[in-house]
Amino acid sequence: MPALRRTDALADCDVVVIGAGAAGLAAARDLVAAGLRVQVLEARDRVGGRAFTDSCGGALFDAGAAYVHYADRNPWVEIAAELGVSLLEHRGWGAGVHFRDGERLPEVFRRERQRGAGRLWELIYETEDDRGRSPDCSLLDLVRDEPDGVLQAALRYGRQAIGEDPERVGVADLRQLWEGPDRTVPSGYGALVSATAVGLPIRLGTPVSRIAWSAGGVRVESGAGVLSARAAIVTAPVGVLAAAAIAFEPALPASTLDAIHGLRMGALTKVVLAFDGERFGWPSPSDLYPLGSGFNLELWPFDRDIVIGTIGGTPARDLVRDGEAGAVAAMLDVFAGIVGSDARKRLRAGRLADWTAQPYSQGSYSYAPPGAAGLRDALARPVGERLFFAGEATSGGGDTVGGGMTVGGATLAGRAAARQAVAALRA
């Protein structure tokens, strides 16, 4: 945990920032640099939000965000360089080995799956539709008349990239998301995000319960007391806002509420197995795709003795019902079905990273269902020039909305909200 500025007593300030994830930290740093008095309130006992570097059996892994997406425009590339943190180019997607019922499938099967994925992206970016579909149909409706390989590509993309079943994911939102090369953070993306909290006035373990706002400013209620400020930047995930974990008085405008309740949270989940050094003949790293299991498996990332399984959508929600022990056992069954029963003897530890069960996230990250593509921008609009919403769900709105669902997007959103707050307070 980075050294934070100690804030035992709440003091009135210019701007209170709700949440110390990537968006909140970025906003706070820019506000401090602008000479404003700032207080950050974080519900968890740590910073970083859904960017969190955890460990399993002594090996580090990112329980949440793990990839520096669209690295050609992601602000974390520059931040990492400034902090002396090394990034690696990601090896790419789709080069893994496929299995069905424990049997390795031939290389031709992988090539067929790549063709299905290529066709899926052609459909997503088609500008004209002569089949009578809505411009913002679901990912499933987009591929309904396509061969099975394209349907399977949509299922994989929805669950493994968005964390949701394809019938619930809107295509128009996917079209506006940025693309680009990915990089990884050997020392942990969560650790990198947390490092930017150094020196900021952050109070941990302080969930906010109510925000009263007016033209004169805001009053924020928490377990630590009441804090008055001229403005507030709210970076709580949309899942938390939709659950009404924070009450607003007066009620938020209809357009803001529509955005909060119209966006959804996916269920991208990770299960991690740590082994005693035995790698069962697989090099580091290796990607295995056991079809029908719901899992994608990454073996020995950064040469560590762990296997990371990702699972999303309905299979993820079903998996976590039995808790960590059940999830670990289920993934071990899948892995042992590929490498042999010796995997059970060599297991040292297992972890479940389920963001849906955590009260301060209530999901992995946001997605827009059919018809909701414009809601990211709507949520980013200031309320009464005193309330500003920011996070991966908004990615700042306007021309930065393409960073949605990512740490980079959350950072851009925090910076945009800080600019808006500074302009409003100096008007």
Protein backbone atom coordinates (compact mmCIF):
# COMPACT_ATOMS: atom_id res chain seq x y z
CA MET A 1 0.00 0.00 0.00
CA PRO A 2 1.46 3.37 -0.98
CA ALA A 3 2.01 6.00 1.68
CA LEU A 4 -1.13 8.12 1.77
CA ARG A 5 -1.50 11.49 3.37
CA ARG A 6 -3.17 10.80 6.72
CA THR A 7 -6.63 12.37 7.04
CA ASP A 8 -8.02 11.57 10.49
CA ALA A 9 -10.61 14.33 10.56
CA LEU A 10 -12.81 15.39 7.70
CA ALA A 11 -12.43 19.04 6.77
CA ASP A 12 -14.47 21.13 4.40
CA CYS A 13 -12.86 21.47 1.00
CA ASP A 14 -13.35 22.66 -2.55
CA VAL A 15 -13.99 19.24 -4.12
CA VAL A 16 -14.74 15.88 -2.52
CA VAL A 17 -13.93 12.87 -4.69
CA ILE A 18 -15.95 9.72 -4.03
CA GLY A 19 -13.82 6.68 -4.77
CA ALA A 20 -10.07 6.07 -5.04
CA GLY A 21 -10.02 3.95 -8.17
CA ALA A 22 -8.30 5.06 -11.36
CA ALA A 23 -10.87 7.79 -12.08
CA GLY A 24 -10.87 9.19 -8.55
CA LEU A 25 -7.09 9.21 -8.27
CA ALA A 26 -6.70 10.93 -11.64
CA ALA A 27 -9.29 13.55 -10.73
CA ALA A 28 -7.73 14.18 -7.32
CA ARG A 29 -4.23 14.64 -8.73
CA ASP A 30 -5.41 17.15 -11.32
CA LEU A 31 -7.50 19.05 -8.77
CA VAL A 32 -4.56 19.30 -6.37
CA ALA A 33 -2.35 20.47 -9.23
CA ALA A 34 -4.95 23.18 -9.94
CA GLY A 35 -4.56 24.47 -6.39
CA LEU A 36 -7.90 23.25 -5.02
CA ARG A 37 -8.50 21.73 -1.60
CA VAL A 38 -9.45 18.10 -2.12
CA GLN A 39 -10.64 15.17 -0.02
CA VAL A 40 -10.94 11.64 -1.41
CA LEU A 41 -13.31 9.23 0.36
CA GLU A 42 -12.81 5.53 -0.38
CA ALA A 43 -15.15 2.82 0.89
CA ARG A 44 -12.59 0.02 0.72
CA ASP A 45 -9.57 -0.34 2.96
CA ARG A 46 -7.30 0.10 -0.08
CA VAL A 47 -6.99 2.24 -3.18
CA GLY A 48 -7.20 1.14 -6.81
CA GLY A 49 -10.82 0.06 -7.12
CA ARG A 50 -11.23 -2.71 -9.67
CA ALA A 51 -7.52 -2.50 -10.51
CA PHE A 52 -6.16 -4.70 -7.75
CA THR A 53 -2.98 -6.78 -7.68
CA ASP A 54 -3.56 -9.77 -5.37
CA SER A 55 -1.59 -12.96 -4.74
CA CYS A 56 -2.25 -16.69 -4.74
CA GLY A 57 0.24 -19.08 -3.19
CA GLY A 58 2.71 -16.19 -3.01
CA ALA A 59 2.44 -15.36 -6.73
CA LEU A 60 1.14 -11.98 -7.86
CA PHE A 61 -1.82 -11.71 -10.21
CA ASP A 62 -4.24 -8.97 -11.20
CA ALA A 63 -7.62 -9.84 -9.74
CA GLY A 64 -9.23 -7.12 -11.83
CA ALA A 65 -7.87 -5.12 -14.76
CA ALA A 66 -4.80 -6.76 -16.28
CA TYR A 67 -4.28 -5.29 -19.75
CA VAL A 68 -3.22 -1.79 -20.79
CA HIS A 69 -5.58 -1.65 -23.75
CA TYR A 70 -5.17 0.61 -26.82
CA ALA A 71 -1.59 1.32 -25.70
CA ASP A 72 -1.09 3.87 -28.48
CA ARG A 73 -3.42 6.27 -26.64
CA ASN A 74 -3.73 4.87 -23.11
CA PRO A 75 -2.45 7.37 -20.50
CA TRP A 76 -1.02 4.54 -18.39
CA VAL A 77 1.79 3.98 -20.86
CA GLU A 78 3.13 7.44 -20.05
CA ILE A 79 2.35 7.13 -16.33
CA ALA A 80 4.22 3.83 -16.13
CA ALA A 81 7.24 5.40 -17.84
CA GLU A 82 7.20 8.30 -15.39
CA LEU A 83 7.12 5.88 -12.44
CA GLY A 84 9.77 3.58 -13.91
CA VAL A 85 7.34 0.66 -14.21
CA SER A 86 8.04 -1.76 -17.07
CA LEU A 87 5.34 -2.76 -19.54
CA LEU A 88 5.48 -5.65 -21.98
CA GLU A 89 3.81 -6.02 -25.35
CA HIS A 90 1.01 -8.56 -25.15
CA ARG A 91 1.63 -11.67 -27.20
CA GLY A 92 -1.76 -11.38 -28.89
CA TRP A 93 -5.01 -13.28 -28.84
CA GLY A 94 -6.18 -16.46 -30.50
CA ALA A 95 -2.91 -18.40 -30.64
CA GLY A 96 -3.86 -20.82 -27.86
CA VAL A 97 -4.57 -24.54 -27.93
CA HIS A 98 -8.15 -25.78 -27.98
CA PHE A 99 -9.52 -28.80 -26.16
CA ARG A 100 -12.85 -30.59 -26.03
CA ASP A 101 -13.53 -33.11 -23.26
CA GLY A 102 -9.82 -33.16 -22.48
CA GLU A 103 -8.79 -33.97 -26.06
CA ARG A 104 -6.57 -31.59 -28.00
CA LEU A 105 -8.16 -30.33 -31.21
CA PRO A 106 -6.18 -30.00 -34.46
CA GLU A 107 -4.68 -26.73 -35.65
CA VAL A 108 -7.30 -26.43 -38.38
CA PHE A 109 -9.90 -25.90 -35.68
CA ARG A 110 -8.03 -22.84 -34.36
CA ARG A 111 -7.89 -21.36 -37.86
CA GLU A 112 -11.62 -21.90 -38.29
CA ARG A 113 -12.28 -20.07 -35.04
CA GLN A 114 -10.11 -17.18 -36.20
CA ARG A 115 -12.15 -16.94 -39.41
CA GLY A 116 -15.33 -16.83 -37.33
CA ALA A 117 -13.90 -14.01 -35.20
CA GLY A 118 -12.86 -12.10 -38.32
CA ARG A 119 -16.37 -12.31 -39.73
CA LEU A 120 -17.81 -11.15 -36.39
CA TRP A 121 -15.75 -7.95 -36.52
CA GLU A 122 -16.78 -7.35 -40.13
CA LEU A 123 -20.40 -7.48 -39.01
CA ILE A 124 -19.84 -5.23 -36.00
CA TYR A 125 -18.31 -2.49 -38.13
CA GLU A 126 -20.70 -2.74 -41.07
CA THR A 127 -22.21 0.70 -41.63
CA GLU A 128 -25.22 -0.53 -43.61
CA ASP A 129 -27.63 -3.30 -42.73
CA ASP A 130 -29.91 -4.75 -45.39
CA ARG A 131 -31.41 -7.38 -43.09
CA GLY A 132 -33.76 -5.09 -41.22
CA ARG A 133 -31.86 -5.18 -37.94
CA SER A 134 -31.74 -2.24 -35.58
CA PRO A 135 -28.51 -0.21 -35.74
CA ASP A 136 -28.17 -1.05 -32.05
CA CYS A 137 -29.24 -4.67 -32.07
CA SER A 138 -27.78 -7.20 -29.68
CA LEU A 139 -24.55 -9.03 -30.45
CA LEU A 140 -26.60 -12.23 -30.76
CA ASP A 141 -29.07 -10.72 -33.22
CA LEU A 142 -26.14 -9.45 -35.29
CA VAL A 143 -24.94 -13.01 -35.96
CA ARG A 144 -28.25 -14.86 -35.90
CA ASP A 145 -28.16 -15.73 -39.62
CA GLU A 146 -24.45 -16.51 -39.70
CA PRO A 147 -22.71 -19.91 -39.59
CA ASP A 148 -22.10 -21.52 -36.23
CA GLY A 149 -18.46 -20.39 -36.17
CA VAL A 150 -19.55 -16.75 -36.12
CA LEU A 151 -22.16 -17.44 -33.45
CA GLN A 152 -19.49 -19.06 -31.28
CA ALA A 153 -17.22 -16.06 -31.83
CA ALA A 154 -19.98 -13.75 -30.57
CA LEU A 155 -20.49 -15.97 -27.53
CA ARG A 156 -16.77 -15.94 -26.75
CA TYR A 157 -16.44 -12.20 -27.23
CA GLY A 158 -19.48 -11.38 -25.14
CA ARG A 159 -18.52 -13.56 -22.20
CA GLN A 160 -14.73 -13.30 -22.27
CA ALA A 161 -14.32 -9.63 -23.25
CA ILE A 162 -17.52 -7.97 -22.03
CA GLY A 163 -18.39 -10.41 -19.24
CA GLU A 164 -21.94 -10.88 -20.49
CA ASP A 165 -24.05 -13.11 -22.72
CA PRO A 166 -24.26 -11.81 -26.31
CA GLU A 167 -28.03 -11.36 -26.30
CA ARG A 168 -27.61 -8.64 -23.65
CA VAL A 169 -24.78 -6.67 -25.30
CA GLY A 170 -25.57 -3.79 -27.68
CA VAL A 171 -23.56 -3.54 -30.88
CA ALA A 172 -23.55 0.27 -31.16
CA ASP A 173 -21.56 0.60 -27.94
CA LEU A 174 -19.00 -1.91 -29.23
CA ARG A 175 -18.54 0.15 -32.39
CA GLN A 176 -17.47 3.23 -30.43
CA LEU A 177 -14.94 1.43 -28.22
CA TRP A 178 -11.32 2.04 -29.11
CA GLU A 179 -9.06 -0.67 -30.46
CA GLY A 180 -5.28 -0.91 -30.45
CA PRO A 181 -2.27 -2.86 -29.15
CA ASP A 182 -2.30 -4.22 -25.62
CA ARG A 183 0.46 -4.21 -23.03
CA THR A 184 0.82 -6.00 -19.72
CA VAL A 185 2.30 -5.02 -16.36
CA PRO A 186 4.53 -7.71 -14.82
CA SER A 187 4.55 -5.95 -11.45
CA GLY A 188 0.75 -5.64 -11.53
CA TYR A 189 -1.64 -3.17 -13.12
CA GLY A 190 -3.35 -2.71 -9.77
CA ALA A 191 -0.03 -1.97 -8.10
CA LEU A 192 0.73 0.60 -10.80
CA VAL A 193 -2.61 2.35 -10.26
CA SER A 194 -2.13 2.33 -6.50
CA ALA A 195 1.27 3.97 -6.86
CA THR A 196 -0.38 7.14 -8.15
CA ALA A 197 -2.16 7.60 -4.81
CA VAL A 198 1.03 8.66 -3.04
CA GLY A 199 0.63 12.02 -1.32
CA LEU A 200 -3.08 12.41 -2.00
CA PRO A 201 -5.52 13.22 0.84
CA ILE A 202 -7.39 9.91 0.97
CA ARG A 203 -9.52 8.51 3.75
CA LEU A 204 -9.97 4.73 3.48
CA GLY A 205 -12.79 2.64 4.92
CA THR A 206 -15.23 5.52 4.48
CA PRO A 207 -18.28 4.56 2.43
CA VAL A 208 -20.51 7.46 1.48
CA SER A 209 -24.22 7.05 2.21
CA ARG A 210 -25.77 10.33 1.09
CA ILE A 211 -24.97 13.40 -0.99
CA ALA A 212 -27.09 16.52 -0.69
CA TRP A 213 -26.45 18.95 -3.51
CA SER A 214 -27.58 22.43 -4.49
CA ALA A 215 -26.31 25.49 -6.29
CA GLY A 216 -24.36 26.36 -3.15
CA GLY A 217 -22.36 23.12 -3.03
CA VAL A 218 -22.61 19.60 -1.59
CA ARG A 219 -22.85 17.90 1.79
CA VAL A 220 -21.50 14.38 1.89
CA GLU A 221 -22.49 11.97 4.66
CA SER A 222 -20.32 9.01 5.58
CA GLY A 223 -19.44 6.89 8.58
CA ALA A 224 -16.74 9.44 9.38
CA GLY A 225 -19.17 12.34 9.56
CA VAL A 226 -20.40 15.08 7.26
CA LEU A 227 -18.16 16.94 4.84
CA SER A 228 -19.11 20.12 2.98
CA ALA A 229 -17.58 21.00 -0.37
CA ARG A 230 -18.19 23.27 -3.31
CA ALA A 231 -18.50 20.28 -5.67
CA ALA A 232 -18.27 16.48 -5.76
CA ILE A 233 -16.84 14.06 -8.29
CA VAL A 234 -18.55 10.68 -7.96
CA THR A 235 -16.58 7.72 -9.34
CA ALA A 236 -18.57 4.86 -7.82
CA PRO A 237 -19.30 2.12 -10.43
CA VAL A 238 -22.72 2.19 -12.08
CA GLY A 239 -23.61 -1.04 -10.29
CA VAL A 240 -23.23 0.72 -6.95
CA LEU A 241 -25.16 3.76 -8.15
CA ALA A 242 -27.97 1.61 -9.60
CA ALA A 243 -28.29 -0.21 -6.27
CA ALA A 244 -28.90 3.19 -4.61
CA ALA A 245 -26.03 2.59 -2.21
CA ILE A 246 -25.57 6.37 -2.26
CA ALA A 247 -28.69 8.50 -1.80
CA PHE A 248 -28.90 11.84 -3.58
CA GLU A 249 -30.98 14.77 -2.36
CA PRO A 250 -32.66 16.12 -4.33
CA ALA A 251 -33.06 13.19 -6.70
CA LEU A 252 -30.78 13.16 -9.71
CA PRO A 253 -32.16 14.41 -13.05
CA ALA A 254 -34.04 11.88 -15.15
CA SER A 255 -31.31 11.81 -17.80
CA THR A 256 -28.66 10.88 -15.22
CA LEU A 257 -30.89 8.25 -13.62
CA ASP A 258 -31.70 6.79 -17.03
CA ALA A 259 -27.98 6.43 -17.71
CA ILE A 260 -27.29 4.84 -14.33
CA HIS A 261 -30.06 2.29 -14.70
CA GLY A 262 -29.67 1.81 -18.44
CA LEU A 263 -26.01 0.75 -18.32
CA ARG A 264 -25.23 -2.68 -16.86
CA MET A 265 -22.34 -4.42 -15.11
CA GLY A 266 -20.75 -7.53 -16.57
CA ALA A 267 -19.58 -10.54 -14.60
CA LEU A 268 -16.05 -11.21 -15.83
CA THR A 269 -14.57 -13.41 -13.10
CA LYS A 270 -11.19 -14.99 -12.43
CA VAL A 271 -10.19 -18.21 -10.68
CA VAL A 272 -6.51 -18.70 -9.92
CA LEU A 273 -4.72 -21.97 -9.12
CA ALA A 274 -1.19 -21.99 -7.66
CA PHE A 275 1.03 -25.05 -8.11
CA ASP A 276 4.23 -26.29 -6.50
CA GLY A 277 6.48 -25.77 -9.53
CA GLU A 278 5.22 -28.61 -11.69
CA ARG A 279 4.12 -27.26 -15.08
CA PHE A 280 2.82 -30.47 -16.68
CA GLY A 281 4.82 -30.01 -19.88
CA TRP A 282 3.41 -26.60 -20.83
CA PRO A 283 5.74 -23.63 -21.48
CA SER A 284 5.35 -20.16 -20.02
CA PRO A 285 3.09 -18.62 -21.08
CA SER A 286 0.47 -20.87 -22.66
CA ASP A 287 -3.18 -20.21 -23.46
CA LEU A 288 -5.60 -23.14 -23.32
CA TYR A 289 -9.25 -23.04 -24.36
CA PRO A 290 -11.24 -25.98 -22.94
CA LEU A 291 -14.43 -25.70 -24.99
CA GLY A 292 -17.70 -26.10 -23.16
CA SER A 293 -16.21 -25.30 -19.75
CA GLY A 294 -16.77 -21.55 -19.88
CA PHE A 295 -13.09 -20.97 -19.00
CA ASN A 296 -10.13 -19.55 -20.86
CA LEU A 297 -6.88 -20.59 -19.16
CA GLU A 298 -3.60 -18.66 -19.03
CA LEU A 299 -0.73 -20.85 -17.79
CA TRP A 300 2.35 -19.55 -15.96
CA PRO A 301 1.97 -15.79 -16.70
CA PHE A 302 5.24 -13.90 -16.21
CA ASP A 303 6.83 -17.29 -15.44
CA ARG A 304 4.83 -17.67 -12.21
CA ASP A 305 3.50 -21.01 -11.01
CA ILE A 306 -0.15 -20.10 -11.41
CA VAL A 307 -2.97 -20.73 -13.85
CA ILE A 308 -5.51 -17.94 -14.32
CA GLY A 309 -8.96 -18.89 -15.55
CA THR A 310 -11.39 -16.26 -16.80
CA ILE A 311 -15.11 -16.88 -17.13
CA GLY A 312 -17.95 -14.47 -17.80
CA GLY A 313 -21.68 -14.04 -18.22
CA THR A 314 -24.14 -16.69 -17.06
CA PRO A 315 -21.45 -19.38 -16.54
CA ALA A 316 -19.61 -16.99 -14.19
CA ARG A 317 -22.73 -16.20 -12.19
CA ASP A 318 -23.48 -19.91 -11.89
CA LEU A 319 -19.91 -20.69 -10.86
CA VAL A 320 -19.71 -18.28 -7.94
CA ARG A 321 -22.85 -19.54 -6.21
CA ASP A 322 -20.77 -22.18 -4.42
CA GLY A 323 -18.20 -19.62 -3.26
CA GLU A 324 -14.45 -19.75 -3.57
CA ALA A 325 -14.03 -23.41 -2.69
CA GLY A 326 -16.56 -24.48 -5.28
CA ALA A 327 -15.10 -22.24 -7.98
CA VAL A 328 -11.56 -23.48 -7.35
CA ALA A 329 -12.74 -27.10 -7.44
CA ALA A 330 -14.59 -26.53 -10.71
CA MET A 331 -11.59 -24.98 -12.42
CA LEU A 332 -9.28 -27.67 -11.08
CA ASP A 333 -11.55 -30.27 -12.63
CA VAL A 334 -11.21 -28.53 -16.00
CA PHE A 335 -7.44 -28.19 -15.74
CA ALA A 336 -6.89 -31.74 -14.50
CA GLY A 337 -9.02 -32.98 -17.39
CA ILE A 338 -6.35 -31.60 -19.71
CA VAL A 339 -3.04 -32.19 -17.89
CA GLY A 340 -3.96 -35.23 -15.78
CA SER A 341 -4.94 -36.02 -12.21
CA ASP A 342 -1.47 -35.17 -10.90
CA ALA A 343 -2.64 -31.53 -10.96
CA ARG A 344 -4.75 -32.25 -7.87
CA LYS A 345 -1.69 -33.38 -5.91
CA ARG A 346 0.46 -30.44 -6.96
CA LEU A 347 -2.06 -27.70 -6.13
CA ARG A 348 -0.90 -25.30 -3.39
CA ALA A 349 -3.67 -22.70 -3.26
CA GLY A 350 -6.68 -21.31 -5.11
CA ARG A 351 -8.37 -17.91 -5.26
CA LEU A 352 -11.63 -16.53 -6.62
CA ALA A 353 -11.87 -12.92 -7.82
CA ASP A 354 -15.61 -12.31 -8.11
CA TRP A 355 -16.45 -8.62 -8.54
CA THR A 356 -20.21 -9.24 -8.66
CA ALA A 357 -20.30 -10.15 -4.96
CA GLN A 358 -18.37 -7.10 -3.82
CA PRO A 359 -20.66 -4.32 -2.54
CA TYR A 360 -18.39 -1.54 -3.80
CA SER A 361 -18.31 -2.80 -7.39
CA GLN A 362 -21.34 -5.09 -7.98
CA GLY A 363 -19.86 -6.26 -11.26
CA SER A 364 -16.66 -6.27 -13.27
CA TYR A 365 -17.20 -3.30 -15.59
CA SER A 366 -19.99 -1.59 -17.50
CA TYR A 367 -21.56 -2.51 -20.79
CA ALA A 368 -24.41 -0.98 -22.78
CA PRO A 369 -27.34 -3.22 -23.71
CA PRO A 370 -29.18 -2.70 -27.02
CA GLY A 371 -30.46 0.86 -27.28
CA ALA A 372 -28.17 2.25 -24.58
CA ALA A 373 -25.12 3.34 -26.58
CA GLY A 374 -25.55 7.04 -25.78
CA LEU A 375 -25.79 6.58 -22.03
CA ARG A 376 -22.06 6.77 -21.33
CA ASP A 377 -22.00 10.30 -22.65
CA ALA A 378 -25.21 11.16 -20.75
CA LEU A 379 -23.75 10.00 -17.43
CA ALA A 380 -20.67 12.17 -17.98
CA ARG A 381 -22.71 15.38 -18.14
CA PRO A 382 -22.43 17.60 -15.03
CA VAL A 383 -25.43 17.91 -12.73
CA GLY A 384 -26.12 21.45 -11.56
CA GLU A 385 -22.44 22.33 -12.05
CA ARG A 386 -21.85 20.75 -8.64
CA LEU A 387 -22.01 17.00 -9.27
CA PHE A 388 -19.69 15.28 -11.75
CA PHE A 389 -19.78 11.55 -12.55
CA ALA A 390 -16.69 9.80 -13.82
CA GLY A 391 -15.36 6.29 -14.33
CA GLU A 392 -14.88 3.61 -16.93
CA ALA A 393 -18.64 3.76 -17.56
CA THR A 394 -18.33 7.33 -18.84
CA SER A 395 -14.72 7.48 -20.06
CA GLY A 396 -15.18 11.23 -19.95
CA GLY A 397 -18.01 11.38 -22.48
CA GLY A 398 -17.80 12.98 -25.90
CA ASP A 399 -14.77 12.00 -27.95
CA THR A 400 -13.23 9.96 -25.11
CA VAL A 401 -16.18 7.61 -24.64
CA GLY A 402 -14.28 4.97 -26.62
CA GLY A 403 -12.20 4.17 -23.55
CA GLY A 404 -15.17 2.64 -21.74
CA MET A 405 -14.64 -0.55 -19.71
CA THR A 406 -10.92 0.12 -19.18
CA VAL A 407 -8.58 1.63 -16.60
CA GLY A 408 -7.28 4.01 -19.24
CA GLY A 409 -10.82 5.16 -19.93
CA ALA A 410 -11.49 5.65 -16.23
CA THR A 411 -8.39 7.82 -15.97
CA LEU A 412 -9.45 9.97 -18.90
CA ALA A 413 -12.87 10.28 -17.29
CA GLY A 414 -11.39 11.42 -13.99
CA ARG A 415 -9.30 14.04 -15.74
CA ALA A 416 -12.32 15.27 -17.71
CA ALA A 417 -14.40 15.57 -14.54
CA ALA A 418 -11.61 17.50 -12.84
CA ARG A 419 -11.49 19.96 -15.74
CA GLN A 420 -15.24 20.40 -15.57
CA ALA A 421 -15.14 20.98 -11.81
CA VAL A 422 -12.33 23.52 -12.03
CA ALA A 423 -14.17 25.42 -14.78
CA ALA A 424 -17.41 25.42 -12.80
CA LEU A 425 -15.79 26.63 -9.58
CA ARG A 426 -13.89 29.40 -11.34
CA ALA A 427 -16.81 30.59 -13.44
